[in-house]
């Protein structure tokens, strides 16, 4: 699936009392309700948040409520998750036998996909933060480490998110836009960060129900964004009847039949240290204090890929792209 797989590190233990003490020292303020950093009840927010970064040991609530953000008007969202998984798996050339649930067992393809997402997430975050703070990124043995206080600049002042083609190939532009380089001036702020993924699990996977509908096409033809809404109304009236499939055919004529968008997301457990300081004062303005150790957190990485027709009924699978992290964009739904 064009993702690099690596061995995952084992979880490193630490006492609960130490973790709680460190968490009470976190400094943060919300940037929108969906991106609040998790704090204990005794923590006081002292300053504005520079990075929209979630440092939290639990999954977003909507995942626990089995909401896959497949779109407010997605008729297939009312169907059992196994049906949505079957349709998506078909697009990835995975047989139905490898999708059927088995108690207390995860299919290899699910584990491999989640592991690949974890590795891609690790690379993307490292490249993103390195670009923002214009600092070298150390990525070895499954651990990303960044420390701009060491003065290890690796890029010219002209290197930005906008001209980093490698980064734009990994992450959707709407997600990149959330990390405002005009605010994050490496002359004013420094970052100390480490990320060590050690466990990943596939949470949701589905195919956008309109054949041919892709993010690129909807950006070019904005009127197609309502396609799912019209299908929703047709489904509400008579279910998957002739009128419903006539609408699907109508949309397919507009965008073609061959392509299909698959969206999947995985929870990624990590050991993480996260800190942003004011360079002039040395004050921690976001994240953890100097005497804190890395903490266990969970990130939710959401990816998207477009498939196309191939010979013998198989599908050509494109390159996965990271489209949302920790619901910063509430799934970054385009359809």
Protein backbone atom coordinates (compact mmCIF):
# COMPACT_ATOMS: atom_id res chain seq x y z
CA UNK A 1 0.00 0.00 0.00
CA UNK A 2 3.02 2.17 -0.66
CA UNK A 3 3.66 2.77 3.04
CA UNK A 4 6.90 1.97 4.81
CA UNK A 5 6.53 -0.62 7.55
CA UNK A 6 8.87 -0.67 10.51
CA UNK A 7 9.19 -2.56 13.79
CA UNK A 8 7.39 -0.81 16.66
CA UNK A 9 9.09 -0.06 19.94
CA UNK A 10 7.80 -1.66 23.14
CA UNK A 11 6.05 0.58 25.62
CA UNK A 12 8.32 2.05 28.29
CA UNK A 13 6.87 1.97 31.81
CA UNK A 14 6.71 4.82 34.27
CA UNK A 15 4.92 5.38 37.57
CA UNK A 16 1.42 6.85 37.49
CA UNK A 17 2.24 9.41 40.16
CA UNK A 18 5.12 10.85 38.10
CA UNK A 19 2.94 11.12 35.00
CA UNK A 20 0.18 12.88 36.91
CA UNK A 21 2.59 15.37 38.47
CA UNK A 22 4.03 16.21 35.07
CA UNK A 23 0.59 16.57 33.50
CA UNK A 24 -0.31 19.13 36.17
CA UNK A 25 2.55 21.29 34.91
CA UNK A 26 1.33 21.49 31.32
CA UNK A 27 0.73 24.97 29.92
CA UNK A 28 -1.93 25.32 27.25
CA UNK A 29 -4.99 27.12 26.02
CA UNK A 30 -7.55 25.90 23.52
CA UNK A 31 -7.43 26.70 19.84
CA UNK A 32 -11.00 25.69 19.12
CA UNK A 33 -12.88 23.22 21.27
CA UNK A 34 -11.63 20.18 19.36
CA UNK A 35 -7.94 20.88 19.98
CA UNK A 36 -7.79 21.45 23.76
CA UNK A 37 -4.74 19.90 25.38
CA UNK A 38 -5.72 17.49 28.14
CA UNK A 39 -5.04 18.98 31.55
CA UNK A 40 -5.80 17.86 35.08
CA UNK A 41 -8.39 19.76 37.10
CA UNK A 42 -5.61 21.50 39.05
CA UNK A 43 -3.85 22.88 35.98
CA UNK A 44 -4.06 26.56 35.10
CA UNK A 45 -3.71 27.70 31.51
CA UNK A 46 -1.10 30.44 31.45
CA UNK A 47 -0.61 31.39 27.83
CA UNK A 48 -1.85 31.10 24.27
CA UNK A 49 -1.29 27.91 22.33
CA UNK A 50 1.27 28.29 19.55
CA UNK A 51 0.83 24.88 17.95
CA UNK A 52 -2.54 23.14 17.49
CA UNK A 53 -1.18 19.99 19.08
CA UNK A 54 -3.15 17.49 21.20
CA UNK A 55 -1.17 15.81 23.99
CA UNK A 56 -3.77 13.46 25.48
CA UNK A 57 -3.78 9.87 26.76
CA UNK A 58 -7.29 9.10 25.46
CA UNK A 59 -9.04 8.86 22.11
CA UNK A 60 -11.41 11.62 20.94
CA UNK A 61 -14.89 10.98 22.28
CA UNK A 62 -16.48 10.55 18.86
CA UNK A 63 -14.30 7.48 18.17
CA UNK A 64 -15.59 5.88 21.36
CA UNK A 65 -19.10 6.65 20.10
CA UNK A 66 -18.34 4.84 16.79
CA UNK A 67 -18.66 7.99 14.70
CA UNK A 68 -16.33 7.65 11.72
CA UNK A 69 -16.94 11.17 10.34
CA UNK A 70 -17.99 9.63 7.05
CA UNK A 71 -20.13 12.67 6.36
CA UNK A 72 -23.36 14.00 7.80
CA UNK A 73 -25.28 12.83 4.74
CA UNK A 74 -23.59 9.50 4.05
CA UNK A 75 -26.33 6.85 3.72
CA UNK A 76 -23.83 4.04 4.19
CA UNK A 77 -22.98 5.42 7.63
CA UNK A 78 -26.26 3.88 8.77
CA UNK A 79 -25.17 0.44 7.64
CA UNK A 80 -23.16 -1.96 9.82
CA UNK A 81 -19.44 -1.08 9.97
CA UNK A 82 -18.64 -4.52 8.53
CA UNK A 83 -20.42 -3.59 5.27
CA UNK A 84 -18.48 -0.33 4.98
CA UNK A 85 -15.27 -2.22 5.69
CA UNK A 86 -16.07 -4.83 3.02
CA UNK A 87 -16.60 -2.12 0.37
CA UNK A 88 -13.39 -0.31 1.33
CA UNK A 89 -11.39 -3.56 1.44
CA UNK A 90 -12.52 -4.41 -2.06
CA UNK A 91 -10.96 -1.15 -3.23
CA UNK A 92 -7.68 -2.25 -1.62
CA UNK A 93 -7.75 -5.68 -3.33
CA UNK A 94 -8.54 -7.45 -0.06
CA UNK A 95 -10.86 -10.45 -0.21
CA UNK A 96 -14.10 -10.65 1.75
CA UNK A 97 -12.73 -13.64 3.68
CA UNK A 98 -10.01 -11.43 5.07
CA UNK A 99 -12.54 -8.91 6.33
CA UNK A 100 -15.06 -11.11 8.11
CA UNK A 101 -14.68 -10.60 11.87
CA UNK A 102 -13.08 -13.29 14.01
CA UNK A 103 -13.40 -12.97 17.80
CA UNK A 104 -10.21 -11.76 19.52
CA UNK A 105 -8.33 -11.63 16.20
CA UNK A 106 -7.10 -8.84 13.94
CA UNK A 107 -6.52 -9.61 10.28
CA UNK A 108 -2.98 -9.06 9.08
CA UNK A 109 -4.00 -6.39 6.57
CA UNK A 110 -5.60 -4.30 9.32
CA UNK A 111 -2.50 -4.51 11.50
CA UNK A 112 -0.19 -3.77 8.56
CA UNK A 113 -2.28 -0.79 7.47
CA UNK A 114 -2.37 0.67 10.99
CA UNK A 115 1.39 0.14 11.40
CA UNK A 116 2.02 1.84 8.06
CA UNK A 117 -0.14 4.77 9.14
CA UNK A 118 1.85 5.07 12.37
CA UNK A 119 5.13 5.23 10.44
CA UNK A 120 3.74 7.73 7.92
CA UNK A 121 2.38 9.85 10.78
CA UNK A 122 5.80 9.81 12.45
CA UNK A 123 7.56 10.95 9.26
CA UNK A 124 4.95 13.63 8.50
CA UNK A 125 5.05 15.14 11.99
CA UNK A 126 8.83 15.23 11.98
CA UNK A 127 8.96 16.94 8.59
CA UNK A 128 6.22 19.40 9.61
CA UNK A 129 7.83 20.51 12.88
CA UNK A 130 11.29 20.58 11.34
CA UNK A 131 10.01 22.88 8.60
CA UNK A 132 8.11 25.15 10.98
CA UNK A 133 11.04 25.63 13.34
CA UNK A 134 13.75 25.33 10.64
CA UNK A 135 15.62 22.72 12.57
CA UNK A 136 17.14 19.31 11.87
CA UNK A 137 15.03 16.26 12.61
CA UNK A 138 16.57 13.10 14.01
CA UNK A 139 14.50 10.09 12.95
CA UNK A 140 16.16 6.83 13.97
CA UNK A 141 14.86 3.47 15.16
CA UNK A 142 11.25 4.60 15.10
CA UNK A 143 11.79 7.74 17.22
CA UNK A 144 11.50 11.33 16.00
CA UNK A 145 13.52 13.85 18.02
CA UNK A 146 13.61 17.63 17.54
CA UNK A 147 15.39 20.16 19.75
CA UNK A 148 15.77 23.65 18.29
CA UNK A 149 17.56 24.85 21.43
CA UNK A 150 20.64 23.04 20.07
CA UNK A 151 20.76 25.43 17.15
CA UNK A 152 20.88 22.68 14.51
CA UNK A 153 19.27 24.60 11.69
CA UNK A 154 19.03 22.57 8.50
CA UNK A 155 17.24 24.85 6.09
CA UNK A 156 17.33 28.37 4.71
CA UNK A 157 14.89 31.05 5.92
CA UNK A 158 12.98 30.57 2.66
CA UNK A 159 12.07 26.96 3.45
CA UNK A 160 8.38 26.98 4.37
CA UNK A 161 5.37 24.70 4.31
CA UNK A 162 4.30 26.31 1.04
CA UNK A 163 7.44 25.29 -0.86
CA UNK A 164 8.13 21.97 0.83
CA UNK A 165 6.91 19.60 -1.88
CA UNK A 166 7.81 16.50 0.14
CA UNK A 167 5.59 17.69 2.99
CA UNK A 168 2.73 18.63 0.66
CA UNK A 169 2.81 15.14 -0.83
CA UNK A 170 2.37 13.65 2.64
CA UNK A 171 -0.27 15.97 4.09
CA UNK A 172 -3.43 17.63 2.77
CA UNK A 173 -3.20 21.37 2.25
CA UNK A 174 -6.11 22.12 4.58
CA UNK A 175 -4.33 20.31 7.39
CA UNK A 176 -1.06 22.10 6.66
CA UNK A 177 -2.90 25.44 6.74
CA UNK A 178 -3.68 24.89 10.43
CA UNK A 179 0.02 25.28 11.25
CA UNK A 180 0.47 29.00 10.70
CA UNK A 181 4.07 29.80 9.89
CA UNK A 182 3.47 33.53 10.37
CA UNK A 183 2.80 32.84 14.06
CA UNK A 184 5.52 30.23 14.57
CA UNK A 185 8.63 32.36 14.19
CA UNK A 186 11.71 30.25 14.98
CA UNK A 187 13.46 33.46 16.04
CA UNK A 188 10.97 33.80 18.91
CA UNK A 189 10.15 30.20 19.84
CA UNK A 190 12.00 26.95 20.28
CA UNK A 191 10.66 23.41 20.39
CA UNK A 192 11.72 20.25 22.15
CA UNK A 193 9.84 17.24 20.91
CA UNK A 194 10.12 13.47 20.76
CA UNK A 195 7.63 10.96 19.35
CA UNK A 196 7.94 7.21 19.71
CA UNK A 197 4.96 5.22 18.28
CA UNK A 198 4.69 1.78 19.85
CA UNK A 199 1.17 0.56 19.06
CA UNK A 200 -1.32 1.26 16.28
CA UNK A 201 -4.88 0.07 15.67
CA UNK A 202 -7.20 0.59 12.73
CA UNK A 203 -10.31 2.35 14.03
CA UNK A 204 -12.41 3.06 10.93
CA UNK A 205 -12.31 2.54 7.18
CA UNK A 206 -14.90 3.31 4.51
CA UNK A 207 -15.24 4.22 0.84
CA UNK A 208 -16.95 7.42 -0.22
CA UNK A 209 -20.28 6.09 -1.57
CA UNK A 210 -20.29 8.07 -4.83
CA UNK A 211 -18.02 6.39 -7.45
CA UNK A 212 -15.61 8.83 -9.04
CA UNK A 213 -15.90 11.44 -6.30
CA UNK A 214 -12.47 12.58 -5.12
CA UNK A 215 -11.19 15.56 -3.14
CA UNK A 216 -9.51 16.97 -6.24
CA UNK A 217 -12.71 16.82 -8.33
CA UNK A 218 -14.83 18.44 -5.60
CA UNK A 219 -12.29 21.26 -5.29
CA UNK A 220 -12.67 21.88 -9.02
CA UNK A 221 -16.47 21.42 -9.06
CA UNK A 222 -17.80 22.74 -5.77
CA UNK A 223 -21.42 21.93 -6.65
CA UNK A 224 -20.58 18.23 -6.29
CA UNK A 225 -20.12 18.67 -2.54
CA UNK A 226 -23.90 18.33 -2.22
CA UNK A 227 -23.96 14.95 -3.95
CA UNK A 228 -24.14 13.06 -0.67
CA UNK A 229 -26.98 15.29 0.56
CA UNK A 230 -29.11 14.43 -2.46
CA UNK A 231 -28.38 10.75 -1.98
CA UNK A 232 -29.34 11.13 1.66
CA UNK A 233 -32.78 12.47 0.71
CA UNK A 234 -33.32 9.71 -1.84
CA UNK A 235 -32.31 7.08 0.70
CA UNK A 236 -34.65 8.54 3.32
CA UNK A 237 -37.59 8.29 0.94
CA UNK A 238 -37.23 4.72 -0.33
CA UNK A 239 -33.87 3.30 0.69
CA UNK A 240 -31.61 1.86 -2.01
CA UNK A 241 -34.31 1.95 -4.70
CA UNK A 242 -34.18 2.73 -8.41
CA UNK A 243 -34.21 6.49 -7.82
CA UNK A 244 -31.19 6.22 -5.51
CA UNK A 245 -29.12 4.33 -8.07
CA UNK A 246 -30.26 6.72 -10.81
CA UNK A 247 -28.71 9.53 -8.78
CA UNK A 248 -25.51 7.55 -8.33
CA UNK A 249 -25.41 7.05 -12.11
CA UNK A 250 -25.99 10.77 -12.67
CA UNK A 251 -23.10 11.73 -10.44
CA UNK A 252 -20.90 9.08 -12.00
CA UNK A 253 -21.50 10.56 -15.44
CA UNK A 254 -20.21 13.87 -14.08
CA UNK A 255 -17.08 12.54 -12.44
CA UNK A 256 -16.53 9.17 -14.11
CA UNK A 257 -16.87 5.63 -12.81
CA UNK A 258 -13.34 4.43 -12.40
CA UNK A 259 -11.97 6.19 -9.33
CA UNK A 260 -12.96 5.66 -5.70
CA UNK A 261 -11.88 7.40 -2.49
CA UNK A 262 -11.09 5.33 0.59
CA UNK A 263 -10.70 6.98 4.00
CA UNK A 264 -9.21 5.23 7.02
CA UNK A 265 -7.97 6.24 10.43
CA UNK A 266 -5.82 4.62 13.07
CA UNK A 267 -5.14 5.33 16.71
CA UNK A 268 -1.41 5.61 17.38
CA UNK A 269 -0.12 5.15 20.91
CA UNK A 270 3.13 7.00 21.47
CA UNK A 271 5.65 7.98 24.08
CA UNK A 272 5.91 11.73 23.65
CA UNK A 273 7.65 14.79 25.00
CA UNK A 274 6.25 18.13 23.80
CA UNK A 275 7.42 21.60 24.76
CA UNK A 276 7.44 25.08 23.20
CA UNK A 277 9.45 27.86 24.88
CA UNK A 278 9.80 31.59 24.45
CA UNK A 279 13.43 32.02 23.34
CA UNK A 280 13.82 35.40 25.00
CA UNK A 281 12.44 34.53 28.43
CA UNK A 282 13.01 30.78 28.55
CA UNK A 283 9.40 30.37 29.72
CA UNK A 284 7.45 27.26 28.74
CA UNK A 285 4.45 28.61 26.87
CA UNK A 286 3.02 25.29 25.71
CA UNK A 287 3.54 21.70 26.76
CA UNK A 288 5.69 20.06 29.41
CA UNK A 289 8.24 21.35 31.91
CA UNK A 290 11.96 20.55 31.62
CA UNK A 291 11.91 17.99 34.45
CA UNK A 292 9.09 15.96 32.92
CA UNK A 293 9.67 12.61 31.25
CA UNK A 294 7.98 11.52 28.04
CA UNK A 295 4.33 10.57 28.52
CA UNK A 296 2.05 8.04 26.88
CA UNK A 297 -0.44 9.70 24.53
CA UNK A 298 -2.79 8.63 21.75
CA UNK A 299 -3.02 10.38 18.39
CA UNK A 300 -5.69 9.76 15.77
CA UNK A 301 -4.27 9.83 12.24
CA UNK A 302 -6.74 9.99 9.35
CA UNK A 303 -5.62 9.07 5.84
CA UNK A 304 -7.12 9.09 2.36
CA UNK A 305 -6.30 7.31 -0.90
CA UNK A 306 -7.79 7.19 -4.40
CA UNK A 307 -8.08 3.89 -6.24
CA UNK A 308 -8.58 3.30 -9.94
CA UNK A 309 -9.44 0.50 -12.33
CA UNK A 310 -6.86 -2.09 -13.32
CA UNK A 311 -6.77 -5.28 -15.32
CA UNK A 312 -8.47 -8.48 -14.18
CA UNK A 313 -10.85 -6.60 -11.92
CA UNK A 314 -8.19 -5.42 -9.48
CA UNK A 315 -7.67 -1.86 -8.31
CA UNK A 316 -4.69 0.45 -8.62
CA UNK A 317 -4.02 1.96 -5.20
CA UNK A 318 -2.64 5.49 -5.12
CA UNK A 319 -0.54 7.11 -2.39
CA UNK A 320 -2.08 7.53 1.05
CA UNK A 321 -2.15 11.11 2.33
CA UNK A 322 -2.62 12.36 5.89
CA UNK A 323 -5.77 14.52 5.91
CA UNK A 324 -6.44 15.08 9.62
CA UNK A 325 -4.79 14.62 13.02
CA UNK A 326 -6.73 14.37 16.27
CA UNK A 327 -9.88 15.79 14.62
CA UNK A 328 -8.28 19.19 14.11
CA UNK A 329 -10.48 19.49 10.99
CA UNK A 330 -13.28 17.24 12.27
CA UNK A 331 -12.31 14.61 9.73
CA UNK A 332 -11.61 17.06 6.88
CA UNK A 333 -14.71 15.72 5.09
CA UNK A 334 -14.89 16.83 1.45
CA UNK A 335 -17.92 14.93 0.21
